Every structure is written in structure tokens, then in C-alpha cells.
């Protein structure tokens, strides 16, 4: 019998502070209309002074573990995907392990920018499928607001903070059916952030802001997401018509819409929340996955297509078979109604 990595718990955490487009109008030369037309973002969340990638990851993980009814002490492995760690080392995953009390679990980080969560999911799936581990926690967590130049309107309008978590468990059904990944390091300069350990000529001492060539990224992103999505669907032995829900990286509404159109997937089969959270890098897909469940958009046997592109340049996609987690909690339903979705 094939061992599969079934999703048994989902969690998310969004900081309380909301930064609206109107707020940004007071910080930089921009407007709500300009931002929405080019990105689809209306607002995004910002970490508080006492929050970080690790604290958000812990909160999202607790929600996922509670839903899975798994004690942290029973976890075998914790993978955190992030490009905004609390420090250069140790791994954020080590802080999460301690915060959760997951004393048995191995822990490490993956740095793959916006493709990080998919990379973490694929890695966890392989550990489970091989029989090495039974229960793995994967968390995408980003405090991107701490890497933003608030005078650069091409980047400050896009990004937000948050965390999403998934608990995977060995099963005979559900979980990833396929995954594909690609990278092109020649495009590093299109989307990157400097750091403290590079050559002196390229290392700054006061900031490590995100730098992006938006036009180049847009052109690349749509093609990369479409092509990898088609590869993953084919590798799963499916056709695009078999996909019940597309859950793309929430980079930019124009990118999402162009990708869905290129794949022939109608709007009603696309999960979108970029308008409320902006681009949360590796946290965007798990947050969207949790919200799709809260909105009762995931049903037994559904085939979900997850696809992402980001700095590296890196891109990839994954097809997942959904197995129900149980009824949507009353609190989630109330939040869904309050959000006007």
C-alpha cells in the first residue's frame, strides 16, 4: 500500500494591525485607485513590535494541531518556510519546536521565497511516504514588513505579514498527488533582498530591503505559473478540467487572473484573498488553504492545484487530493460572514 501524506490540520495567524491603502497614501506617492488597479490589494497585516516569524508560526501551528487533535509531543518533524527569520540562526523551526513543546521533533527551515511552502510540503510528503516519519508540521511564516522600504511604492504596497500551517499524517489517501519545481538563478536580480554576509561591495550595513523589477516579474510569473501548473496536473494523471479549486500564491491579482485565464479555470474555481492580506510570500498558500476550508470550498475527493512563483527565480506547482477535516467551526463561519465573503 502506498503511504500518502494526508492533511489533517490547517491553521493561520494574521497580526491585528491593518495597513490600508489610505494609510499608504500618507506614506508614499500613491493612491488607493493606483494600488488596486495594479495589484488588487486593499489592505495588508503588519506585525506588532513583539511579533516575529516564529511567534506567528507558533500561533498558526497551534490552530492546525488542535484541529488535527495531535499533541505537539507526537510530531516527528517541523519545517518552517520563511525568508524573514528572527535571526540568521538558529532556524525559526527550532524556536517553533520549543514554543510548542514538540520535544521529539526534528526541526529545520527552508528558504525558497514564495515557493517555500510548496517546497516544504513536498519535503514533508517525502519523509512520510518513505516511512521515516508519521506526523509532520509545515508552516509558512513571514514578517515582510520588516524588509520593506516605505519610500518605494513599487514594493511597499504589495507585501504583508502572516503565517499558515499544515499538519500532515501518514494515510492511505489524500495529500499530494504530484509536484514539480524549477529554478533559474540568472534571474536573481529581478527579485531579491541583500544581506549581511555577502561581499563588501554588495553588502549594506543599515537595511536589507526587498528589491523588485515588477514588469519583469509579472511577465515571468504568468508563464511560469501556467507551465508548472500544467506539468503538475499532467504528472498527477489528470486534466485541467479535473481541478476543483486553484489556490495560487497571492502575489498580485492581475497575475492570478492572467494565470487562471491561461489555464482555462473560471473565477469561481480560484481562491483569492490577496485583496485583504497582500503578498505574504511563503505564508500565502497555507493561509488561503485554511480560508478555503473555512468558506466550505473543499470537499471530499476534490483535486486542488497549488502554484507559486517567486525570488530565485523559483516556481512550482502541486496537486493535492482533499480529504475532509470535519465541519467548519461556528467561529470561522461567523468570521466569514463578517468579512462579507
Protein backbone atom coordinates (compact mmCIF):
# COMPACT_ATOMS: atom_id res chain seq x y z
CA UNK A 1 0.00 0.00 0.00
CA UNK A 2 1.28 3.45 -0.92
CA UNK A 3 1.77 5.74 2.05
CA UNK A 4 0.31 9.19 1.48
CA UNK A 5 0.79 12.46 3.39
CA UNK A 6 -2.76 13.46 4.23
CA UNK A 7 -3.60 16.94 5.52
CA UNK A 8 -5.22 16.53 8.94
CA UNK A 9 -5.00 20.08 10.26
CA UNK A 10 -4.92 23.65 8.95
CA UNK A 11 -4.07 26.85 10.79
CA UNK A 12 -3.46 30.53 10.15
CA UNK A 13 -2.43 33.61 12.05
CA UNK A 14 -2.79 37.23 10.92
CA UNK A 15 -1.48 40.15 13.01
CA UNK A 16 -4.13 42.52 14.34
CA UNK A 17 -2.74 45.70 12.81
CA UNK A 18 -4.24 46.54 9.40
CA UNK A 19 -2.47 48.85 6.96
CA UNK A 20 -4.92 50.15 4.35
CA UNK A 21 -4.26 51.78 1.03
CA UNK A 22 -5.44 55.04 2.57
CA UNK A 23 -2.74 54.70 5.20
CA UNK A 24 -0.16 54.25 2.46
CA UNK A 25 -1.35 57.40 0.73
CA UNK A 26 0.10 59.27 3.71
CA UNK A 27 3.44 57.48 3.49
CA UNK A 28 4.29 57.44 -0.20
CA UNK A 29 3.21 58.97 -3.52
CA UNK A 30 0.39 56.56 -4.35
CA UNK A 31 -3.38 56.21 -4.22
CA UNK A 32 -5.96 53.57 -3.38
CA UNK A 33 -7.04 53.52 -7.03
CA UNK A 34 -3.48 53.07 -8.31
CA UNK A 35 -2.77 50.24 -5.88
CA UNK A 36 -5.99 48.34 -6.54
CA UNK A 37 -5.72 48.66 -10.32
CA UNK A 38 -2.17 47.30 -10.38
CA UNK A 39 -2.18 44.79 -7.53
CA UNK A 40 -5.72 44.14 -6.31
CA UNK A 41 -4.60 44.81 -2.74
CA UNK A 42 -6.87 46.87 -0.45
CA UNK A 43 -5.15 46.20 2.88
CA UNK A 44 -2.48 44.07 4.50
CA UNK A 45 -1.48 42.97 8.02
CA UNK A 46 1.59 44.24 9.91
CA UNK A 47 3.40 42.52 12.79
CA UNK A 48 3.40 44.16 16.20
CA UNK A 49 6.67 45.07 17.88
CA UNK A 50 6.64 41.87 19.93
CA UNK A 51 5.83 39.59 16.97
CA UNK A 52 8.09 37.77 14.52
CA UNK A 53 8.10 34.88 12.07
CA UNK A 54 8.47 32.43 14.97
CA UNK A 55 5.65 33.84 17.12
CA UNK A 56 3.24 33.88 14.18
CA UNK A 57 4.29 30.36 13.18
CA UNK A 58 3.62 29.09 16.70
CA UNK A 59 0.12 30.58 16.72
CA UNK A 60 -0.78 29.17 13.30
CA UNK A 61 0.66 25.78 14.29
CA UNK A 62 -1.40 25.63 17.46
CA UNK A 63 -4.59 26.08 15.44
CA UNK A 64 -3.58 23.35 12.98
CA UNK A 65 -2.54 20.92 15.73
CA UNK A 66 -5.78 21.49 17.64
CA UNK A 67 -7.81 20.73 14.54
CA UNK A 68 -5.75 17.59 13.89
CA UNK A 69 -6.12 16.59 17.56
CA UNK A 70 -2.39 15.92 17.68
CA UNK A 71 -0.24 16.69 20.69
CA UNK A 72 2.93 18.62 19.75
CA UNK A 73 4.91 15.94 21.58
CA UNK A 74 3.80 13.46 18.90
CA UNK A 75 5.27 15.43 15.99
CA UNK A 76 8.25 13.86 14.22
CA UNK A 77 9.36 16.89 12.19
CA UNK A 78 8.77 20.64 11.98
CA UNK A 79 9.53 22.53 8.77
CA UNK A 80 9.24 26.31 8.68
CA UNK A 81 9.44 28.09 5.35
CA UNK A 82 10.45 31.73 5.61
CA UNK A 83 12.66 34.46 4.16
CA UNK A 84 12.18 36.67 7.21
CA UNK A 85 13.66 34.66 10.09
CA UNK A 86 14.01 36.06 13.60
CA UNK A 87 17.79 35.91 13.07
CA UNK A 88 20.34 34.33 10.77
CA UNK A 89 20.39 31.29 13.06
CA UNK A 90 19.18 29.16 14.69
CA UNK A 91 16.31 28.06 12.47
CA UNK A 92 12.90 29.53 13.12
CA UNK A 93 11.73 25.91 13.26
CA UNK A 94 13.84 25.42 16.38
CA UNK A 95 12.06 28.31 18.07
CA UNK A 96 8.71 26.86 16.98
CA UNK A 97 9.66 23.44 18.31
CA UNK A 98 10.45 24.92 21.72
CA UNK A 99 7.38 27.16 21.72
CA UNK A 100 5.09 24.23 21.01
CA UNK A 101 6.82 21.80 23.34
CA UNK A 102 7.44 19.38 20.47
CA UNK A 103 10.41 17.73 22.18
CA UNK A 104 10.62 14.71 19.85
CA UNK A 105 10.55 16.64 16.59
CA UNK A 106 13.46 17.40 14.33
CA UNK A 107 13.31 20.98 13.03
CA UNK A 108 14.71 22.95 10.12
CA UNK A 109 13.91 25.91 7.86
CA UNK A 110 13.51 26.15 4.09
CA UNK A 111 14.33 29.40 2.30
CA UNK A 112 12.71 29.34 -1.13
CA UNK A 113 10.87 32.68 -1.10
CA UNK A 114 7.28 32.46 -2.31
CA UNK A 115 7.69 28.81 -3.37
CA UNK A 116 8.80 27.91 0.14
CA UNK A 117 5.55 26.40 1.37
CA UNK A 118 5.19 24.10 -1.63
CA UNK A 119 8.81 23.04 -1.18
CA UNK A 120 8.13 22.33 2.47
CA UNK A 121 5.02 20.32 1.62
CA UNK A 122 6.91 18.23 -0.92
CA UNK A 123 9.75 17.63 1.54
CA UNK A 124 7.36 16.59 4.30
CA UNK A 125 5.48 14.32 1.91
CA UNK A 126 8.69 12.50 1.00
CA UNK A 127 9.59 11.94 4.66
CA UNK A 128 6.15 10.46 5.27
CA UNK A 129 5.94 8.42 2.06
CA UNK A 130 9.34 6.86 2.80
CA UNK A 131 8.15 5.75 6.21
CA UNK A 132 10.75 7.83 8.03
CA UNK A 133 8.16 9.99 9.83
CA UNK A 134 4.45 9.73 10.61
CA UNK A 135 3.49 13.31 11.53
CA UNK A 136 4.99 16.50 10.13
CA UNK A 137 4.15 20.15 10.72
CA UNK A 138 4.80 22.59 7.84
CA UNK A 139 4.48 26.33 8.50
CA UNK A 140 4.93 29.27 6.16
CA UNK A 141 5.54 32.43 8.19
CA UNK A 142 6.65 35.88 7.04
CA UNK A 143 7.28 39.27 8.66
CA UNK A 144 7.86 41.02 5.34
CA UNK A 145 7.01 44.48 6.65
CA UNK A 146 10.43 44.48 8.30
CA UNK A 147 12.10 44.20 4.88
CA UNK A 148 10.14 46.99 3.21
CA UNK A 149 11.43 50.37 2.07
CA UNK A 150 8.41 52.52 2.87
CA UNK A 151 9.58 55.11 0.34
CA UNK A 152 9.46 52.59 -2.54
CA UNK A 153 5.88 52.48 -3.80
CA UNK A 154 6.63 49.56 -6.13
CA UNK A 155 7.15 47.23 -3.15
CA UNK A 156 5.58 48.80 -0.05
CA UNK A 157 2.05 48.45 -1.46
CA UNK A 158 2.41 44.73 -2.15
CA UNK A 159 3.57 42.87 0.92
CA UNK A 160 2.04 41.86 4.22
CA UNK A 161 2.68 39.64 7.24
CA UNK A 162 1.13 36.38 8.41
CA UNK A 163 1.51 32.65 8.89
CA UNK A 164 -0.22 29.49 7.70
CA UNK A 165 0.28 25.93 8.93
CA UNK A 166 -0.50 22.40 7.81
CA UNK A 167 -0.23 19.14 9.74
CA UNK A 168 0.46 16.08 7.59
CA UNK A 169 -0.03 12.48 8.72
CA UNK A 170 0.61 9.10 7.11
CA UNK A 171 -2.54 7.78 5.44
CA UNK A 172 -3.76 5.62 2.56
CA UNK A 173 -5.42 8.53 0.78
CA UNK A 174 -5.30 12.29 0.39
CA UNK A 175 -2.32 14.63 0.21
CA UNK A 176 -0.01 15.46 -2.70
CA UNK A 177 -0.59 13.54 -5.94
CA UNK A 178 2.26 15.33 -7.75
CA UNK A 179 4.65 18.24 -7.51
CA UNK A 180 7.11 19.98 -9.82
CA UNK A 181 9.75 22.61 -9.13
CA UNK A 182 12.03 24.76 -11.28
CA UNK A 183 14.62 27.45 -10.75
CA UNK A 184 16.55 29.96 -12.86
CA UNK A 185 19.30 31.67 -10.91
CA UNK A 186 20.07 34.01 -13.78
CA UNK A 187 17.01 36.00 -12.70
CA UNK A 188 18.17 36.62 -9.14
CA UNK A 189 18.40 40.38 -9.70
CA UNK A 190 14.70 40.64 -10.63
CA UNK A 191 13.54 39.93 -7.06
CA UNK A 192 15.90 39.78 -4.09
CA UNK A 193 16.98 41.26 -0.76
CA UNK A 194 20.61 41.90 0.22
CA UNK A 195 22.04 40.50 3.44
CA UNK A 196 24.88 40.97 5.94
CA UNK A 197 27.14 38.14 4.80
CA UNK A 198 27.77 38.89 1.11
CA UNK A 199 30.83 40.52 -0.47
CA UNK A 200 31.52 44.01 0.96
CA UNK A 201 30.70 45.66 -2.38
CA UNK A 202 27.13 44.28 -2.28
CA UNK A 203 26.50 44.25 1.46
CA UNK A 204 24.67 47.06 3.20
CA UNK A 205 25.03 47.79 6.89
CA UNK A 206 21.76 49.57 7.55
CA UNK A 207 18.99 47.86 5.61
CA UNK A 208 18.09 44.73 3.66
CA UNK A 209 15.07 45.94 1.73
CA UNK A 210 13.25 43.90 -0.90
CA UNK A 211 14.19 44.99 -4.43
CA UNK A 212 12.00 44.06 -7.39
CA UNK A 213 11.67 44.74 -11.09
CA UNK A 214 7.90 44.48 -11.27
CA UNK A 215 7.47 44.44 -15.04
CA UNK A 216 9.94 41.59 -15.49
CA UNK A 217 8.43 39.60 -12.63
CA UNK A 218 4.89 40.00 -14.00
CA UNK A 219 5.85 38.73 -17.45
CA UNK A 220 7.76 35.81 -16.00
CA UNK A 221 5.25 34.90 -13.29
CA UNK A 222 2.24 34.22 -15.51
CA UNK A 223 4.19 31.96 -17.89
CA UNK A 224 5.97 30.14 -15.04
CA UNK A 225 2.80 29.52 -13.04
CA UNK A 226 0.88 28.33 -16.08
CA UNK A 227 3.60 25.96 -17.28
CA UNK A 228 4.30 24.42 -13.86
CA UNK A 229 0.59 24.04 -13.18
CA UNK A 230 0.15 22.12 -16.42
CA UNK A 231 3.15 19.93 -15.56
CA UNK A 232 1.80 19.09 -12.11
CA UNK A 233 -1.68 18.27 -13.42
CA UNK A 234 -0.23 16.00 -16.10
CA UNK A 235 2.09 14.33 -13.58
CA UNK A 236 -0.94 13.56 -11.43
CA UNK A 237 -2.60 11.84 -14.40
CA UNK A 238 -5.32 14.46 -14.56
CA UNK A 239 -6.66 17.12 -16.92
CA UNK A 240 -7.24 20.76 -16.02
CA UNK A 241 -10.99 20.10 -16.10
CA UNK A 242 -10.44 17.72 -13.18
CA UNK A 243 -9.19 20.54 -10.95
CA UNK A 244 -11.84 21.65 -8.47
CA UNK A 245 -10.01 24.62 -6.98
CA UNK A 246 -6.93 26.64 -7.94
CA UNK A 247 -5.09 28.02 -4.91
CA UNK A 248 -2.33 30.26 -6.28
CA UNK A 249 0.34 32.22 -4.48
CA UNK A 250 -1.31 35.55 -3.69
CA UNK A 251 1.30 37.72 -5.40
CA UNK A 252 -0.86 40.10 -7.36
CA UNK A 253 -4.47 39.91 -8.54
CA UNK A 254 -3.51 40.59 -12.16
CA UNK A 255 -1.05 37.68 -12.08
CA UNK A 256 -3.65 35.39 -10.51
CA UNK A 257 -6.34 36.32 -13.05
CA UNK A 258 -3.97 36.01 -16.01
CA UNK A 259 -2.80 32.58 -14.81
CA UNK A 260 -6.32 31.29 -14.29
CA UNK A 261 -7.35 32.55 -17.73
CA UNK A 262 -4.34 30.89 -19.38
CA UNK A 263 -5.27 27.60 -17.67
CA UNK A 264 -8.95 27.93 -18.59
CA UNK A 265 -10.03 27.83 -14.93
CA UNK A 266 -13.11 30.00 -14.26
CA UNK A 267 -13.13 32.60 -11.45
CA UNK A 268 -15.47 30.57 -9.27
CA UNK A 269 -12.78 27.87 -9.06
CA UNK A 270 -10.00 30.23 -7.94
CA UNK A 271 -9.20 31.06 -4.31
CA UNK A 272 -8.33 34.75 -3.82
CA UNK A 273 -7.59 36.72 -0.65
CA UNK A 274 -4.76 38.99 -1.87
CA UNK A 275 -7.12 41.95 -1.50
CA UNK A 276 -7.12 41.55 2.30
CA UNK A 277 -3.59 40.38 3.03
CA UNK A 278 -1.35 41.37 0.13
CA UNK A 279 1.60 39.17 -0.80
CA UNK A 280 2.67 37.17 2.27
CA UNK A 281 5.27 35.13 0.36
CA UNK A 282 5.51 31.54 1.65
CA UNK A 283 2.58 32.12 4.03
CA UNK A 284 0.09 32.99 1.29
CA UNK A 285 -0.88 29.50 0.09
CA UNK A 286 -1.40 27.93 3.54
CA UNK A 287 -3.41 30.96 4.67
CA UNK A 288 -5.54 30.69 1.51
CA UNK A 289 -5.91 26.94 2.01
CA UNK A 290 -7.21 27.43 5.54
CA UNK A 291 -9.63 30.13 4.36
CA UNK A 292 -10.89 27.93 1.52
CA UNK A 293 -11.77 25.35 4.17
CA UNK A 294 -13.41 27.99 6.37
CA UNK A 295 -15.52 29.04 3.38
CA UNK A 296 -16.60 25.40 2.84
CA UNK A 297 -14.98 25.30 -0.61
CA UNK A 298 -13.13 22.00 -0.01
CA UNK A 299 -14.99 18.73 -0.43
CA UNK A 300 -14.17 15.03 -0.22
CA UNK A 301 -12.11 13.93 -3.22
CA UNK A 302 -11.54 17.44 -4.57
CA UNK A 303 -8.36 17.97 -6.57
CA UNK A 304 -6.61 21.17 -5.54
CA UNK A 305 -3.98 22.85 -7.70
CA UNK A 306 -1.43 24.89 -5.74
CA UNK A 307 1.01 27.01 -7.75
CA UNK A 308 3.60 29.66 -6.92
CA UNK A 309 6.47 31.75 -8.27
CA UNK A 310 8.99 33.95 -6.52
CA UNK A 311 12.55 35.06 -5.96
CA UNK A 312 15.22 32.70 -7.11
CA UNK A 313 13.79 32.81 -9.65
CA UNK A 314 11.85 29.78 -8.49
CA UNK A 315 8.49 28.35 -9.42
CA UNK A 316 6.48 25.20 -8.89
CA UNK A 317 3.10 23.56 -8.51
CA UNK A 318 1.41 20.72 -6.64
CA UNK A 319 -1.82 18.76 -6.97
CA UNK A 320 -3.48 17.64 -3.74
CA UNK A 321 -6.36 15.25 -3.14
CA UNK A 322 -8.58 16.62 -0.41
CA UNK A 323 -9.94 14.51 2.43
CA UNK A 324 -12.45 16.23 4.76
CA UNK A 325 -11.33 17.59 8.13
CA UNK A 326 -14.77 17.92 9.65
CA UNK A 327 -17.41 20.66 9.84
CA UNK A 328 -16.46 24.30 9.63
CA UNK A 329 -16.46 25.71 13.20
CA UNK A 330 -19.10 28.28 14.14
CA UNK A 331 -16.39 30.89 14.84
CA UNK A 332 -14.98 30.50 11.34
CA UNK A 333 -18.43 30.78 9.80
CA UNK A 334 -19.09 33.99 11.75
CA UNK A 335 -15.77 35.48 10.66
CA UNK A 336 -16.55 34.53 7.07
CA UNK A 337 -19.92 36.30 7.21
CA UNK A 338 -18.42 39.35 8.93
CA UNK A 339 -15.81 39.62 6.17
CA UNK A 340 -18.65 39.86 3.65
CA UNK A 341 -17.36 36.92 1.59
